[in-house]
Amino acid sequence: MAESPSSIESIRKWIVEHKLRAVGCLWLSGIGSSIAYNWSRHNMKPSVKIIHARLHAQALTLAALAGAALVEYYDHQSKPGSNVVKYPDQFLAHPQKD
């Protein structure tokens, strides 16, 4: 009898397969929640609220990209034979055209 994958494992697999979509969804939810939070503060101008929301979303995006890089690193480390270079020609020096 095959076991069904845990919810954490299925989330990890989805993130590995859809990295950019995961970062985009995180960014959209981050900027939406940041705008909602900043809009509830009445002592700031609207332009400052938007700038703060953008900065929060930018920090969240960097964190999401770092998380995606860690997932990718972990995924490559856990696979056997992952140290083999798939495209060795890309590291060869090419003569420059004058």
C-alpha atoms as a PDB file:
ATOM      1  CA  MET A   1       0.000   0.000   0.000  1.00  0.00           C
ATOM      2  CA  ALA A   2       1.522   3.332  -1.067  1.00  0.00           C
ATOM      3  CA  GLU A   3       1.482   6.140   1.416  1.00  0.00           C
ATOM      4  CA  SER A   4       0.133   9.487   0.342  1.00  0.00           C
ATOM      5  CA  PRO A   5       2.680  12.297   0.583  1.00  0.00           C
ATOM      6  CA  SER A   6       2.428  14.588   3.574  1.00  0.00           C
ATOM      7  CA  SER A   7       1.064  18.059   3.089  1.00  0.00           C
ATOM      8  CA  ILE A   8       4.502  19.594   3.681  1.00  0.00           C
ATOM      9  CA  GLU A   9       6.050  17.322   1.079  1.00  0.00           C
ATOM     10  CA  SER A  10       3.333  18.157  -1.449  1.00  0.00           C
ATOM     11  CA  ILE A  11       3.799  21.900  -0.775  1.00  0.00           C
ATOM     12  CA  ARG A  12       7.564  21.542  -1.228  1.00  0.00           C
ATOM     13  CA  LYS A  13       7.052  19.662  -4.492  1.00  0.00           C
ATOM     14  CA  TRP A  14       4.673  22.353  -5.777  1.00  0.00           C
ATOM     15  CA  ILE A  15       7.155  25.101  -4.865  1.00  0.00           C
ATOM     16  CA  VAL A  16       9.986  23.249  -6.629  1.00  0.00           C
ATOM     17  CA  GLU A  17       7.863  22.912  -9.778  1.00  0.00           C
ATOM     18  CA  HIS A  18       6.398  26.463  -9.677  1.00  0.00           C
ATOM     19  CA  LYS A  19       9.093  28.689  -8.178  1.00  0.00           C
ATOM     20  CA  LEU A  20       8.205  31.882  -9.998  1.00  0.00           C
ATOM     21  CA  ARG A  21       4.493  31.427  -9.436  1.00  0.00           C
ATOM     22  CA  ALA A  22       5.121  30.917  -5.705  1.00  0.00           C
ATOM     23  CA  VAL A  23       7.250  34.067  -5.493  1.00  0.00           C
ATOM     24  CA  GLY A  24       4.642  36.029  -7.481  1.00  0.00           C
ATOM     25  CA  CYS A  25       1.793  34.875  -5.244  1.00  0.00           C
ATOM     26  CA  LEU A  26       3.817  35.739  -2.164  1.00  0.00           C
ATOM     27  CA  TRP A  27       4.582  39.168  -3.613  1.00  0.00           C
ATOM     28  CA  LEU A  28       0.928  39.860  -4.443  1.00  0.00           C
ATOM     29  CA  SER A  29      -0.265  38.792  -1.017  1.00  0.00           C
ATOM     30  CA  GLY A  30       2.530  40.785   0.616  1.00  0.00           C
ATOM     31  CA  ILE A  31       1.816  44.001  -1.224  1.00  0.00           C
ATOM     32  CA  GLY A  32      -1.934  43.579  -0.715  1.00  0.00           C
ATOM     33  CA  SER A  33      -1.611  43.062   3.012  1.00  0.00           C
ATOM     34  CA  SER A  34       0.943  45.868   3.318  1.00  0.00           C
ATOM     35  CA  ILE A  35      -1.342  48.305   1.483  1.00  0.00           C
ATOM     36  CA  ALA A  36      -4.247  47.253   3.702  1.00  0.00           C
ATOM     37  CA  TYR A  37      -2.135  47.757   6.829  1.00  0.00           C
ATOM     38  CA  ASN A  38      -0.720  51.109   5.706  1.00  0.00           C
ATOM     39  CA  TRP A  39      -4.136  52.380   4.605  1.00  0.00           C
ATOM     40  CA  SER A  40      -5.420  51.878   8.157  1.00  0.00           C
ATOM     41  CA  ARG A  41      -2.797  54.321   9.423  1.00  0.00           C
ATOM     42  CA  HIS A  42      -4.284  57.788   9.086  1.00  0.00           C
ATOM     43  CA  ASN A  43      -1.187  59.859   9.895  1.00  0.00           C
ATOM     44  CA  MET A  44       0.601  59.187   6.571  1.00  0.00           C
ATOM     45  CA  LYS A  45       0.209  60.593   3.058  1.00  0.00           C
ATOM     46  CA  PRO A  46      -1.029  58.159   0.369  1.00  0.00           C
ATOM     47  CA  SER A  47       2.304  58.378  -1.494  1.00  0.00           C
ATOM     48  CA  VAL A  48       4.193  57.337   1.651  1.00  0.00           C
ATOM     49  CA  LYS A  49       1.743  54.480   2.196  1.00  0.00           C
ATOM     50  CA  ILE A  50       2.403  53.174  -1.318  1.00  0.00           C
ATOM     51  CA  ILE A  51       6.180  53.498  -0.890  1.00  0.00           C
ATOM     52  CA  HIS A  52       6.034  51.574   2.390  1.00  0.00           C
ATOM     53  CA  ALA A  53       3.909  48.870   0.794  1.00  0.00           C
ATOM     54  CA  ARG A  54       6.408  48.537  -2.054  1.00  0.00           C
ATOM     55  CA  LEU A  55       9.333  48.283   0.355  1.00  0.00           C
ATOM     56  CA  HIS A  56       7.567  45.605   2.397  1.00  0.00           C
ATOM     57  CA  ALA A  57       6.755  43.640  -0.745  1.00  0.00           C
ATOM     58  CA  GLN A  58      10.335  43.987  -1.963  1.00  0.00           C
ATOM     59  CA  ALA A  59      11.726  42.591   1.288  1.00  0.00           C
ATOM     60  CA  LEU A  60       9.183  39.765   1.170  1.00  0.00           C
ATOM     61  CA  THR A  61      10.187  38.979  -2.420  1.00  0.00           C
ATOM     62  CA  LEU A  62      13.865  38.789  -1.490  1.00  0.00           C
ATOM     63  CA  ALA A  63      12.995  36.443   1.358  1.00  0.00           C
ATOM     64  CA  ALA A  64      10.884  34.298  -0.997  1.00  0.00           C
ATOM     65  CA  LEU A  65      13.692  34.123  -3.564  1.00  0.00           C
ATOM     66  CA  ALA A  66      16.153  33.119  -0.850  1.00  0.00           C
ATOM     67  CA  GLY A  67      13.699  30.460   0.314  1.00  0.00           C
ATOM     68  CA  ALA A  68      13.267  29.173  -3.238  1.00  0.00           C
ATOM     69  CA  ALA A  69      17.055  29.018  -3.601  1.00  0.00           C
ATOM     70  CA  LEU A  70      17.291  26.998  -0.387  1.00  0.00           C
ATOM     71  CA  VAL A  71      14.592  24.608  -1.606  1.00  0.00           C
ATOM     72  CA  GLU A  72      16.441  24.220  -4.901  1.00  0.00           C
ATOM     73  CA  TYR A  73      19.747  23.633  -3.100  1.00  0.00           C
ATOM     74  CA  TYR A  74      18.158  21.059  -0.802  1.00  0.00           C
ATOM     75  CA  ASP A  75      16.477  19.382  -3.766  1.00  0.00           C
ATOM     76  CA  HIS A  76      19.779  19.070  -5.637  1.00  0.00           C
ATOM     77  CA  GLN A  77      21.623  17.808  -2.563  1.00  0.00           C
ATOM     78  CA  SER A  78      19.054  15.111  -1.859  1.00  0.00           C
ATOM     79  CA  LYS A  79      19.112  13.654  -5.389  1.00  0.00           C
ATOM     80  CA  PRO A  80      21.817  11.076  -6.115  1.00  0.00           C
ATOM     81  CA  GLY A  81      24.084  12.011  -9.003  1.00  0.00           C
ATOM     82  CA  SER A  82      23.103  15.665  -8.872  1.00  0.00           C
ATOM     83  CA  ASN A  83      26.742  16.807  -8.877  1.00  0.00           C
ATOM     84  CA  VAL A  84      27.092  15.855 -12.530  1.00  0.00           C
ATOM     85  CA  VAL A  85      27.277  18.896 -14.762  1.00  0.00           C
ATOM     86  CA  LYS A  86      24.555  18.648 -17.380  1.00  0.00           C
ATOM     87  CA  TYR A  87      26.022  21.202 -19.774  1.00  0.00           C
ATOM     88  CA  PRO A  88      29.834  21.092 -19.584  1.00  0.00           C
ATOM     89  CA  ASP A  89      30.259  23.113 -22.786  1.00  0.00           C
ATOM     90  CA  GLN A  90      28.925  26.256 -21.161  1.00  0.00           C
ATOM     91  CA  PHE A  91      32.058  26.417 -18.991  1.00  0.00           C
ATOM     92  CA  LEU A  92      34.521  26.118 -21.870  1.00  0.00           C
ATOM     93  CA  ALA A  93      36.292  29.263 -22.981  1.00  0.00           C
ATOM     94  CA  HIS A  94      35.109  30.542 -26.350  1.00  0.00           C
ATOM     95  CA  PRO A  95      37.441  32.546 -28.595  1.00  0.00           C
ATOM     96  CA  GLN A  96      36.415  36.168 -28.750  1.00  0.00           C
ATOM     97  CA  LYS A  97      35.394  37.577 -32.067  1.00  0.00           C
ATOM     98  CA  ASP A  98      37.300  40.690 -33.052  1.00  0.00           C
END
